[in-house]
Amino acid sequence: MPNRIRGEVALQLGDTRYTLCLTLGALAELEDAFGVQDLMALGQRFGTGRLSSRDLLTLLAIALRGGGHAMSDREVAGLPLHDGLAPVAAALADLLVTTFGGGEASPNPPDPQDASLTPSPGTMR
């Protein structure tokens, strides 16, 4: 079970429940992956709400490794999306709010059926 005090968020994919976490090492990896200089720039980058599928994959892979799952980017790319992209987007949105603030993270993760959490085709590169 994820520990929200430590910034952990749960994600169910298929039959497996994963823990996502942005540790200090994970944040440094994100800065490098997104080519930004600091945490402020990283927070601003995610604050736009515009993420490509590649951005989501990068963020998910790093968050899974931060949560203790030793998975390569290729393994993450092959994870099942039986319920579509919405649960992934919701968990990552919750993780970003938990990590960067922007409001109180709720004790319950966002509803994956909330259409506002699903990237529209116009937001994907």
C-alpha atoms as a PDB file:
ATOM      1  CA  MET A   1       0.000   0.000   0.000  1.00  0.00           C
ATOM      2  CA  PRO A   2       1.424   3.367  -0.979  1.00  0.00           C
ATOM      3  CA  ASN A   3       2.437   5.806   1.733  1.00  0.00           C
ATOM      4  CA  ARG A   4       1.067   9.226   0.733  1.00  0.00           C
ATOM      5  CA  ILE A   5       3.204  10.940   3.379  1.00  0.00           C
ATOM      6  CA  ARG A   6       6.267   9.755   1.424  1.00  0.00           C
ATOM      7  CA  GLY A   7       4.673  10.937  -1.825  1.00  0.00           C
ATOM      8  CA  GLU A   8       3.658   7.508  -3.078  1.00  0.00           C
ATOM      9  CA  VAL A   9       0.658   6.931  -5.355  1.00  0.00           C
ATOM     10  CA  ALA A  10      -0.888   3.617  -6.426  1.00  0.00           C
ATOM     11  CA  LEU A  11      -1.528   2.550 -10.012  1.00  0.00           C
ATOM     12  CA  GLN A  12      -3.374  -0.620 -10.991  1.00  0.00           C
ATOM     13  CA  LEU A  13      -2.469  -1.982 -14.432  1.00  0.00           C
ATOM     14  CA  GLY A  14      -3.945  -5.322 -15.329  1.00  0.00           C
ATOM     15  CA  ASP A  15      -3.561  -7.660 -12.379  1.00  0.00           C
ATOM     16  CA  THR A  16      -0.642  -5.755 -10.876  1.00  0.00           C
ATOM     17  CA  ARG A  17      -0.692  -2.853  -8.429  1.00  0.00           C
ATOM     18  CA  TYR A  18       2.293  -0.540  -8.700  1.00  0.00           C
ATOM     19  CA  THR A  19       3.636   2.189  -6.447  1.00  0.00           C
ATOM     20  CA  LEU A  20       4.714   5.443  -8.079  1.00  0.00           C
ATOM     21  CA  CYS A  21       7.053   7.865  -6.307  1.00  0.00           C
ATOM     22  CA  LEU A  22       9.206  10.803  -7.311  1.00  0.00           C
ATOM     23  CA  THR A  23      12.264  10.471  -5.109  1.00  0.00           C
ATOM     24  CA  LEU A  24      15.085  13.007  -5.234  1.00  0.00           C
ATOM     25  CA  GLY A  25      16.905  10.714  -7.678  1.00  0.00           C
ATOM     26  CA  ALA A  26      13.752  10.408  -9.785  1.00  0.00           C
ATOM     27  CA  LEU A  27      13.360  14.194  -9.862  1.00  0.00           C
ATOM     28  CA  ALA A  28      16.979  14.551 -11.014  1.00  0.00           C
ATOM     29  CA  GLU A  29      16.297  11.971 -13.735  1.00  0.00           C
ATOM     30  CA  LEU A  30      13.206  13.946 -14.813  1.00  0.00           C
ATOM     31  CA  GLU A  31      15.204  17.202 -14.974  1.00  0.00           C
ATOM     32  CA  ASP A  32      17.674  15.468 -17.263  1.00  0.00           C
ATOM     33  CA  ALA A  33      14.996  13.758 -19.381  1.00  0.00           C
ATOM     34  CA  PHE A  34      13.058  16.989 -19.930  1.00  0.00           C
ATOM     35  CA  GLY A  35      16.147  19.190 -20.327  1.00  0.00           C
ATOM     36  CA  VAL A  36      15.308  21.619 -17.534  1.00  0.00           C
ATOM     37  CA  GLN A  37      17.701  23.297 -15.099  1.00  0.00           C
ATOM     38  CA  ASP A  38      15.852  22.949 -11.803  1.00  0.00           C
ATOM     39  CA  LEU A  39      12.749  21.804  -9.935  1.00  0.00           C
ATOM     40  CA  MET A  40      10.964  25.096 -10.566  1.00  0.00           C
ATOM     41  CA  ALA A  41      11.327  24.638 -14.327  1.00  0.00           C
ATOM     42  CA  LEU A  42      10.246  21.006 -14.018  1.00  0.00           C
ATOM     43  CA  GLY A  43       7.138  22.015 -12.055  1.00  0.00           C
ATOM     44  CA  GLN A  44       6.337  24.684 -14.659  1.00  0.00           C
ATOM     45  CA  ARG A  45       6.808  22.126 -17.451  1.00  0.00           C
ATOM     46  CA  PHE A  46       4.284  19.778 -15.881  1.00  0.00           C
ATOM     47  CA  GLY A  47       2.015  22.641 -14.845  1.00  0.00           C
ATOM     48  CA  THR A  48       1.113  23.332 -18.467  1.00  0.00           C
ATOM     49  CA  GLY A  49      -1.034  20.196 -18.511  1.00  0.00           C
ATOM     50  CA  ARG A  50       0.234  19.422 -22.003  1.00  0.00           C
ATOM     51  CA  LEU A  51       2.037  16.093 -22.062  1.00  0.00           C
ATOM     52  CA  SER A  52       2.754  13.908 -25.052  1.00  0.00           C
ATOM     53  CA  SER A  53       2.527  10.128 -24.881  1.00  0.00           C
ATOM     54  CA  ARG A  54       6.345  10.097 -24.783  1.00  0.00           C
ATOM     55  CA  ASP A  55       6.229  12.501 -21.809  1.00  0.00           C
ATOM     56  CA  LEU A  56       3.768  10.196 -20.025  1.00  0.00           C
ATOM     57  CA  LEU A  57       5.964   7.175 -20.723  1.00  0.00           C
ATOM     58  CA  THR A  58       9.064   8.950 -19.393  1.00  0.00           C
ATOM     59  CA  LEU A  59       7.258  10.180 -16.301  1.00  0.00           C
ATOM     60  CA  LEU A  60       5.681   6.768 -15.652  1.00  0.00           C
ATOM     61  CA  ALA A  61       8.966   4.883 -16.062  1.00  0.00           C
ATOM     62  CA  ILE A  62      10.834   7.205 -13.712  1.00  0.00           C
ATOM     63  CA  ALA A  63       7.988   7.197 -11.166  1.00  0.00           C
ATOM     64  CA  LEU A  64       7.866   3.382 -11.223  1.00  0.00           C
ATOM     65  CA  ARG A  65      11.612   3.167 -10.606  1.00  0.00           C
ATOM     66  CA  GLY A  66      11.249   5.753  -7.829  1.00  0.00           C
ATOM     67  CA  GLY A  67       8.526   3.533  -6.356  1.00  0.00           C
ATOM     68  CA  GLY A  68      10.912   0.589  -6.217  1.00  0.00           C
ATOM     69  CA  HIS A  69      10.092  -1.204  -9.473  1.00  0.00           C
ATOM     70  CA  ALA A  70      13.279  -2.052 -11.396  1.00  0.00           C
ATOM     71  CA  MET A  71      11.841  -1.644 -14.879  1.00  0.00           C
ATOM     72  CA  SER A  72      13.399  -0.411 -18.099  1.00  0.00           C
ATOM     73  CA  ASP A  73      11.657   2.134 -20.296  1.00  0.00           C
ATOM     74  CA  ARG A  74      10.970  -0.685 -22.773  1.00  0.00           C
ATOM     75  CA  GLU A  75       9.298  -2.810 -20.075  1.00  0.00           C
ATOM     76  CA  VAL A  76       7.165   0.144 -19.000  1.00  0.00           C
ATOM     77  CA  ALA A  77       6.150   0.781 -22.616  1.00  0.00           C
ATOM     78  CA  GLY A  78       4.847  -2.796 -22.765  1.00  0.00           C
ATOM     79  CA  LEU A  79       2.619  -2.573 -19.678  1.00  0.00           C
ATOM     80  CA  PRO A  80      -1.036  -3.417 -20.346  1.00  0.00           C
ATOM     81  CA  LEU A  81      -3.524  -0.581 -20.687  1.00  0.00           C
ATOM     82  CA  HIS A  82      -6.675  -2.705 -20.451  1.00  0.00           C
ATOM     83  CA  ASP A  83      -8.570   0.236 -18.941  1.00  0.00           C
ATOM     84  CA  GLY A  84      -7.116   2.776 -21.344  1.00  0.00           C
ATOM     85  CA  LEU A  85      -4.877   5.717 -20.586  1.00  0.00           C
ATOM     86  CA  ALA A  86      -7.164   7.376 -18.031  1.00  0.00           C
ATOM     87  CA  PRO A  87      -5.929   5.461 -14.937  1.00  0.00           C
ATOM     88  CA  VAL A  88      -2.311   6.196 -15.854  1.00  0.00           C
ATOM     89  CA  ALA A  89      -3.009   9.883 -16.461  1.00  0.00           C
ATOM     90  CA  ALA A  90      -4.976  10.131 -13.204  1.00  0.00           C
ATOM     91  CA  ALA A  91      -2.245   8.454 -11.145  1.00  0.00           C
ATOM     92  CA  LEU A  92       0.455  10.640 -12.694  1.00  0.00           C
ATOM     93  CA  ALA A  93      -1.626  13.789 -12.122  1.00  0.00           C
ATOM     94  CA  ASP A  94      -2.095  12.780  -8.482  1.00  0.00           C
ATOM     95  CA  LEU A  95       1.637  12.067  -8.197  1.00  0.00           C
ATOM     96  CA  LEU A  96       2.554  15.493  -9.580  1.00  0.00           C
ATOM     97  CA  VAL A  97       0.162  17.249  -7.201  1.00  0.00           C
ATOM     98  CA  THR A  98       1.531  15.182  -4.308  1.00  0.00           C
ATOM     99  CA  THR A  99       5.122  16.046  -5.261  1.00  0.00           C
ATOM    100  CA  PHE A 100       4.860  19.661  -6.433  1.00  0.00           C
ATOM    101  CA  GLY A 101       1.822  20.861  -4.513  1.00  0.00           C
ATOM    102  CA  GLY A 102      -0.725  23.039  -6.211  1.00  0.00           C
ATOM    103  CA  GLY A 103      -3.401  22.075  -3.770  1.00  0.00           C
ATOM    104  CA  GLU A 104      -3.935  19.408  -1.220  1.00  0.00           C
ATOM    105  CA  ALA A 105      -3.594  15.916  -2.597  1.00  0.00           C
ATOM    106  CA  SER A 106      -6.739  14.021  -1.848  1.00  0.00           C
ATOM    107  CA  PRO A 107      -6.555  10.834   0.220  1.00  0.00           C
ATOM    108  CA  ASN A 108      -8.367   9.180  -2.688  1.00  0.00           C
ATOM    109  CA  PRO A 109      -6.824   9.152  -6.161  1.00  0.00           C
ATOM    110  CA  PRO A 110      -8.643  11.041  -8.910  1.00  0.00           C
ATOM    111  CA  ASP A 111     -11.499   9.251 -10.637  1.00  0.00           C
ATOM    112  CA  PRO A 112      -9.985   7.619 -13.754  1.00  0.00           C
ATOM    113  CA  GLN A 113     -13.328   8.106 -15.524  1.00  0.00           C
ATOM    114  CA  ASP A 114     -12.969  11.884 -15.230  1.00  0.00           C
ATOM    115  CA  ALA A 115     -12.595  12.946 -18.859  1.00  0.00           C
ATOM    116  CA  SER A 116     -10.658  16.074 -17.863  1.00  0.00           C
ATOM    117  CA  LEU A 117      -7.723  13.846 -16.848  1.00  0.00           C
ATOM    118  CA  THR A 118      -7.495  12.116 -20.199  1.00  0.00           C
ATOM    119  CA  PRO A 119      -5.226  13.857 -22.700  1.00  0.00           C
ATOM    120  CA  SER A 120      -7.114  14.916 -25.793  1.00  0.00           C
ATOM    121  CA  PRO A 121      -5.658  14.131 -29.203  1.00  0.00           C
ATOM    122  CA  GLY A 122      -4.725  17.794 -29.607  1.00  0.00           C
ATOM    123  CA  THR A 123      -2.421  17.647 -26.559  1.00  0.00           C
ATOM    124  CA  MET A 124      -0.383  14.699 -27.756  1.00  0.00           C
ATOM    125  CA  ARG A 125       2.649  15.238 -29.971  1.00  0.00           C
END
